[in-house]
Amino acid sequence: MMRVRIPSRLALAALASALLVPAVPAPAATTAVVLNFAPLGAPSRSTPPSSAPADISFGPYPLSIFGVVNAINRADKQLTDREPLRFTDGPIAYAVLAIRDWEHRYPRDPWIPENLFALERVYLHAGTDEGREYAGRVTVWLLQDYPQSVYAERARRIIANLSESINEQRAAEPERRAAPTRPEPAATSDPWSRFQH
């Protein structure tokens, strides 16, 4: 007579859990997101003005309308708190992709120009060359796709002020270079003599 071994309850539970619960994938390595700031083109007059529903997610990293706003606000707060911000990865990059998808699906949504303007401001707030480059790209996107919006006019004013400021800085550079420098005191045997002026 052959004896059959009956597995214990613990072994059965482990087997059932292994079969029923899918394996959790290992987290992917962090990679930069490819950002595309190219304008889609202003919506035609025949496109019905429609706002995106608040419960729809946009982009490959699903963000709702409020998720986009929160990502932009969080990035601005990070910059205010002097925390590092990566433009090509994380919430701010996901917001760019979500706005692009949002515009593709709801091109006349009145919230899109406002969010593009907020995105431009965050990039300018960074005060880096990369931030200024991205701000310029977002400004072109805003001006080409939503030229009649209030936010396009605000973006034009900001760009005009920045251009004026940059031109003033460039004009002041030769003056700073030509300004006389304070001569170094002559070397003496007493090292403390240079502090007695």
Protein backbone atom coordinates (compact mmCIF):
# COMPACT_ATOMS: atom_id res chain seq x y z
CA MET A 1 0.00 0.00 0.00
CA MET A 2 1.30 3.35 -1.04
CA ARG A 3 1.22 6.17 1.39
CA VAL A 4 0.27 9.67 0.11
CA ARG A 5 1.69 12.62 1.95
CA ILE A 6 -0.76 15.48 2.45
CA PRO A 7 0.87 18.91 2.46
CA SER A 8 0.40 21.11 5.48
CA ARG A 9 -1.89 24.13 5.50
CA LEU A 10 1.11 26.47 5.48
CA ALA A 11 2.54 24.81 2.36
CA LEU A 12 -0.85 25.00 0.62
CA ALA A 13 -1.21 28.69 1.53
CA ALA A 14 2.27 29.46 0.19
CA LEU A 15 1.53 27.60 -3.05
CA ALA A 16 -1.83 29.35 -3.50
CA SER A 17 -0.30 32.76 -2.84
CA ALA A 18 2.51 32.10 -5.33
CA LEU A 19 0.00 31.13 -8.00
CA LEU A 20 -2.56 33.85 -7.34
CA VAL A 21 -0.44 36.90 -6.56
CA PRO A 22 1.45 38.28 -9.56
CA ALA A 23 5.12 38.92 -9.09
CA VAL A 24 5.95 42.54 -8.29
CA PRO A 25 8.28 43.89 -10.95
CA ALA A 26 11.57 45.34 -9.83
CA PRO A 27 11.59 49.14 -9.92
CA ALA A 28 12.97 50.46 -13.18
CA ALA A 29 16.13 52.52 -13.16
CA THR A 30 15.42 56.24 -13.21
CA THR A 31 15.76 57.57 -16.72
CA ALA A 32 15.29 61.01 -18.15
CA VAL A 33 12.00 61.76 -19.84
CA VAL A 34 12.17 63.02 -23.41
CA LEU A 35 10.45 66.40 -23.31
CA ASN A 36 8.73 67.72 -26.40
CA PHE A 37 7.87 71.41 -26.29
CA ALA A 38 6.92 71.73 -29.98
CA PRO A 39 3.64 73.59 -30.42
CA LEU A 40 0.75 71.57 -31.82
CA GLY A 41 -0.69 74.59 -33.59
CA ALA A 42 -3.47 76.92 -32.53
CA PRO A 43 -6.84 75.20 -32.34
CA SER A 44 -9.07 75.95 -35.28
CA ARG A 45 -12.22 77.97 -34.82
CA SER A 46 -14.26 74.90 -35.77
CA THR A 47 -12.94 72.96 -32.76
CA PRO A 48 -15.64 73.12 -30.12
CA PRO A 49 -14.53 74.83 -26.92
CA SER A 50 -14.47 72.04 -24.40
CA SER A 51 -12.84 71.63 -21.07
CA ALA A 52 -11.32 68.35 -20.05
CA PRO A 53 -13.15 66.51 -17.29
CA ALA A 54 -11.32 66.59 -13.97
CA ASP A 55 -11.29 62.80 -13.65
CA ILE A 56 -9.38 62.09 -16.88
CA SER A 57 -5.65 61.39 -16.72
CA PHE A 58 -3.19 62.58 -19.34
CA GLY A 59 0.25 61.51 -20.47
CA PRO A 60 2.25 58.31 -20.07
CA TYR A 61 2.58 59.02 -16.33
CA PRO A 62 -1.13 59.61 -15.70
CA LEU A 63 -1.83 63.04 -14.27
CA SER A 64 -5.24 64.63 -13.99
CA ILE A 65 -5.73 68.35 -14.49
CA PHE A 66 -5.22 68.83 -10.77
CA GLY A 67 -2.18 66.53 -10.86
CA VAL A 68 -0.60 68.83 -13.45
CA VAL A 69 -1.31 71.90 -11.33
CA ASN A 70 0.06 70.18 -8.21
CA ALA A 71 3.23 69.05 -10.02
CA ILE A 72 3.91 72.60 -11.22
CA ASN A 73 3.20 74.09 -7.77
CA ARG A 74 5.38 71.46 -6.07
CA ALA A 75 8.27 72.24 -8.43
CA ASP A 76 7.92 75.96 -7.70
CA LYS A 77 7.92 75.27 -3.95
CA GLN A 78 11.05 73.11 -4.34
CA LEU A 79 12.81 76.01 -6.03
CA THR A 80 11.59 78.45 -3.37
CA ASP A 81 12.96 76.13 -0.67
CA ARG A 82 16.25 75.94 -2.61
CA GLU A 83 15.90 72.21 -3.16
CA PRO A 84 17.36 70.72 -6.35
CA LEU A 85 14.91 70.16 -9.19
CA ARG A 86 15.48 67.85 -12.13
CA PHE A 87 13.71 69.10 -15.24
CA THR A 88 13.96 65.88 -17.25
CA ASP A 89 12.65 63.48 -14.65
CA GLY A 90 9.95 63.52 -12.03
CA PRO A 91 6.70 65.44 -11.65
CA ILE A 92 7.63 68.57 -13.63
CA ALA A 93 8.63 66.47 -16.66
CA TYR A 94 5.49 64.38 -16.29
CA ALA A 95 3.44 67.59 -16.23
CA VAL A 96 4.93 68.64 -19.60
CA LEU A 97 3.96 65.31 -21.14
CA ALA A 98 0.50 65.48 -19.59
CA ILE A 99 -0.12 69.02 -20.90
CA ARG A 100 0.93 67.88 -24.38
CA ASP A 101 -1.57 64.99 -24.28
CA TRP A 102 -4.22 67.26 -22.73
CA GLU A 103 -3.80 69.78 -25.54
CA HIS A 104 -3.96 67.03 -28.14
CA ARG A 105 -7.28 65.77 -26.76
CA TYR A 106 -8.85 69.08 -25.63
CA PRO A 107 -7.10 71.80 -27.68
CA ARG A 108 -9.44 74.62 -26.64
CA ASP A 109 -9.42 73.94 -22.92
CA PRO A 110 -8.93 77.36 -21.27
CA TRP A 111 -6.78 75.88 -18.48
CA ILE A 112 -3.99 74.85 -20.87
CA PRO A 113 -2.56 78.36 -21.48
CA GLU A 114 -2.65 79.07 -17.75
CA ASN A 115 -0.68 75.90 -17.01
CA LEU A 116 1.82 76.61 -19.78
CA PHE A 117 2.37 80.07 -18.30
CA ALA A 118 2.84 78.57 -14.81
CA LEU A 119 5.31 76.08 -16.27
CA GLU A 120 7.25 78.91 -17.92
CA ARG A 121 7.42 80.75 -14.59
CA VAL A 122 8.77 77.67 -12.79
CA TYR A 123 11.52 77.23 -15.38
CA LEU A 124 12.46 80.91 -15.07
CA HIS A 125 12.37 80.65 -11.27
CA ALA A 126 15.16 78.06 -11.48
CA GLY A 127 17.56 80.78 -12.67
CA THR A 128 19.71 78.33 -14.63
CA ASP A 129 20.62 78.17 -18.31
CA GLU A 130 18.62 74.95 -18.64
CA GLY A 131 15.63 76.60 -16.95
CA ARG A 132 15.81 79.62 -19.28
CA GLU A 133 16.06 77.33 -22.31
CA TYR A 134 12.98 75.36 -21.25
CA ALA A 135 11.12 78.57 -20.39
CA GLY A 136 11.82 79.85 -23.90
CA ARG A 137 10.50 76.65 -25.42
CA VAL A 138 7.34 76.75 -23.33
CA THR A 139 6.86 80.43 -24.26
CA VAL A 140 7.05 79.59 -27.96
CA TRP A 141 4.54 76.78 -27.38
CA LEU A 142 2.20 79.17 -25.55
CA LEU A 143 2.52 82.00 -28.07
CA GLN A 144 2.01 79.79 -31.11
CA ASP A 145 -0.86 77.67 -29.82
CA TYR A 146 -2.69 80.25 -27.69
CA PRO A 147 -1.71 83.68 -29.11
CA GLN A 148 -4.97 85.36 -28.05
CA SER A 149 -4.91 84.20 -24.44
CA VAL A 150 -4.27 86.51 -21.50
CA TYR A 151 -1.33 84.29 -20.57
CA ALA A 152 0.31 84.78 -23.97
CA GLU A 153 0.29 88.53 -23.35
CA ARG A 154 1.80 88.02 -19.88
CA ALA A 155 4.49 85.76 -21.37
CA ARG A 156 5.31 88.45 -23.97
CA ARG A 157 5.79 91.01 -21.18
CA ILE A 158 8.04 88.70 -19.18
CA ILE A 159 10.17 87.97 -22.25
CA ALA A 160 10.39 91.71 -23.04
CA ASN A 161 11.50 92.46 -19.46
CA LEU A 162 14.05 89.64 -19.54
CA SER A 163 15.43 90.83 -22.88
CA GLU A 164 15.76 94.36 -21.52
CA SER A 165 17.50 93.09 -18.39
CA ILE A 166 19.90 90.93 -20.41
CA ASN A 167 20.73 93.85 -22.71
CA GLU A 168 21.44 96.09 -19.69
CA GLN A 169 23.73 93.44 -18.21
CA ARG A 170 25.60 93.07 -21.49
CA ALA A 171 26.00 96.84 -21.77
CA ALA A 172 27.39 97.01 -18.22
CA GLU A 173 29.99 94.26 -18.80
CA PRO A 174 32.53 96.46 -20.67
CA GLU A 175 32.20 99.13 -17.98
CA ARG A 176 32.99 96.60 -15.27
CA ARG A 177 36.00 95.35 -17.18
CA ALA A 178 37.27 98.91 -17.75
CA ALA A 179 36.80 99.97 -14.13
CA PRO A 180 40.13 100.50 -12.38
CA THR A 181 41.13 97.82 -9.97
CA ARG A 182 42.60 98.55 -6.58
CA PRO A 183 46.35 98.16 -6.71
CA GLU A 184 47.89 95.51 -4.55
CA PRO A 185 50.08 96.88 -1.77
CA ALA A 186 53.80 96.49 -2.23
CA ALA A 187 55.33 93.49 -0.57
CA THR A 188 56.99 94.43 2.69
CA SER A 189 58.77 92.54 5.36
CA ASP A 190 55.86 93.10 7.75
CA PRO A 191 52.91 90.88 6.72
CA TRP A 192 50.47 92.94 8.84
CA SER A 193 51.16 96.24 7.08
CA ARG A 194 48.56 95.58 4.37
CA PHE A 195 45.79 95.66 7.00
CA GLN A 196 46.74 99.08 8.37
CA HIS A 197 45.04 101.28 5.74
